[in-house]
Protein backbone atom coordinates (compact mmCIF):
# COMPACT_ATOMS: atom_id res chain seq x y z
CA MET A 1 217.62 87.01 34.82
CA ILE A 2 220.02 89.72 36.01
CA THR A 3 221.85 92.26 33.85
CA PHE A 4 225.29 93.48 34.82
CA VAL A 5 226.31 96.87 33.43
CA ASN A 6 229.87 98.07 33.93
CA ARG A 7 231.12 101.41 32.58
CA PHE A 8 234.87 101.66 32.05
CA ASP A 9 237.11 104.72 31.73
CA VAL A 10 240.34 103.42 30.25
CA HIS A 11 243.50 105.24 31.26
CA GLY A 12 245.78 102.71 29.58
CA SER A 13 245.92 101.61 25.96
CA PRO A 14 242.42 100.93 24.57
CA ALA A 15 243.83 98.09 22.44
CA GLU A 16 245.42 96.50 25.53
CA PHE A 17 242.19 96.97 27.48
CA GLU A 18 240.26 95.14 24.74
CA ARG A 19 242.77 92.26 24.78
CA VAL A 20 242.55 91.96 28.58
CA PHE A 21 238.77 92.21 28.46
CA ASP A 22 238.63 89.48 25.83
CA ARG A 23 240.44 87.11 28.22
CA THR A 24 238.01 88.09 30.98
CA SER A 25 235.12 87.47 28.59
CA LEU A 26 236.37 83.94 27.92
CA PHE A 27 236.56 83.30 31.67
CA PHE A 28 232.99 84.49 32.27
CA SER A 29 231.54 82.70 29.25
CA ALA A 30 232.69 79.39 30.76
CA GLN A 31 230.87 80.04 34.06
CA PRO A 32 227.51 78.42 34.91
CA GLY A 33 224.63 80.81 34.41
CA PHE A 34 226.38 83.10 31.91
CA LEU A 35 224.08 83.93 28.99
CA ARG A 36 225.74 86.64 26.88
CA HIS A 37 227.53 89.95 26.95
CA ARG A 38 228.54 92.84 24.73
CA LEU A 39 231.45 95.20 25.18
CA LEU A 40 230.54 98.55 23.67
CA ARG A 41 233.11 101.22 22.78
CA HIS A 42 231.93 104.83 22.85
CA ALA A 43 231.48 106.15 19.31
CA ASP A 44 233.04 109.56 20.01
CA GLN A 45 235.08 109.24 23.20
CA PRO A 46 238.08 106.91 22.97
CA GLY A 47 238.70 105.03 26.18
CA LYS A 48 235.06 104.86 27.27
CA TYR A 49 233.44 101.42 27.24
CA VAL A 50 230.32 99.72 28.58
CA ASN A 51 229.98 96.01 29.25
CA VAL A 52 226.41 94.67 29.30
CA ALA A 53 226.18 91.06 30.50
CA GLU A 54 223.16 88.87 31.09
CA TRP A 55 223.16 86.08 33.64
CA GLU A 56 220.55 83.49 34.57
CA SER A 57 220.55 84.77 38.15
CA ARG A 58 222.28 87.07 40.58
CA THR A 59 223.54 83.99 42.41
CA ALA A 60 225.25 82.66 39.27
CA PHE A 61 226.89 86.03 38.65
CA GLU A 62 228.11 86.35 42.24
CA GLN A 63 229.46 82.78 42.23
CA ALA A 64 231.50 83.59 39.11
CA LEU A 65 233.00 86.62 40.86
CA ARG A 66 234.01 84.41 43.82
CA GLN A 67 236.02 82.02 41.65
CA PRO A 68 239.73 82.34 42.53
CA GLU A 69 240.53 82.45 38.81
CA PHE A 70 238.67 85.76 38.50
CA ALA A 71 241.11 87.73 40.71
CA PRO A 72 243.84 88.11 38.04
CA HIS A 73 241.24 89.33 35.52
CA ALA A 74 239.98 91.98 37.95
CA ARG A 75 243.54 93.06 38.74
CA ASP A 76 244.49 93.38 35.07
CA LEU A 77 241.36 95.39 34.22
CA ARG A 78 241.92 97.72 37.21
CA ALA A 79 245.47 98.35 36.02
CA LEU A 80 244.09 99.79 32.76
CA SER A 81 240.79 101.37 33.81
CA THR A 82 238.37 102.52 36.45
CA SER A 83 234.85 101.14 36.40
CA ASP A 84 231.34 101.62 37.72
CA PRO A 85 229.69 98.15 38.06
CA GLN A 86 225.92 97.90 38.65
CA LEU A 87 223.26 95.16 38.59
CA TYR A 88 219.87 95.69 36.96
CA VAL A 89 216.61 93.79 36.51
CA SER A 90 214.34 94.23 33.52
CA ALA A 91 211.59 96.81 33.87
CA LEU A 92 210.42 96.91 30.23
CA GLU A 93 211.45 95.09 27.08
CA ARG A 94 210.43 95.50 23.47
CA SER A 95 211.75 93.87 20.32
CA GLU A 96 211.53 94.95 16.75
CA PRO A 97 208.02 94.16 15.47
CA GLN A 98 207.67 91.40 12.92
CA ARG A 99 206.94 92.89 9.51
CA PRO A 100 204.89 90.98 6.96
CA HIS A 101 206.83 89.75 3.92
CA VAL A 102 205.74 91.44 0.71
C-alpha cells in the first residue's frame, strides 16, 4: 500500500476548492487500486487543507495520474491552490485497543 499526502494552500474560495476537490475525489475513487481518502480542513487556518489517500500500490496511483481525464482536475485545483504532494509508506501503525465490554 502507498499513502499519498497532499497539503493545499487555497488562494481562491475555500467553498469552491471543496466543490472542485469533490469532483476530483469522484474521479479518483473510480480508478483501479484506489482504497480511500480524507480531505482535512485546518481547524484554525482557513484555506489550509490536507488530502490523505491510500492506494493499493504506487503503480495504481501513478496510472490514475496518467489518465487523460485527470488533467482538467489538476488544472482546476491549481487555479484555486498551491500544493505539496508526497508519497509515503507505512513505518508504524497502531489502532485503538479493543476494550472489554462491561
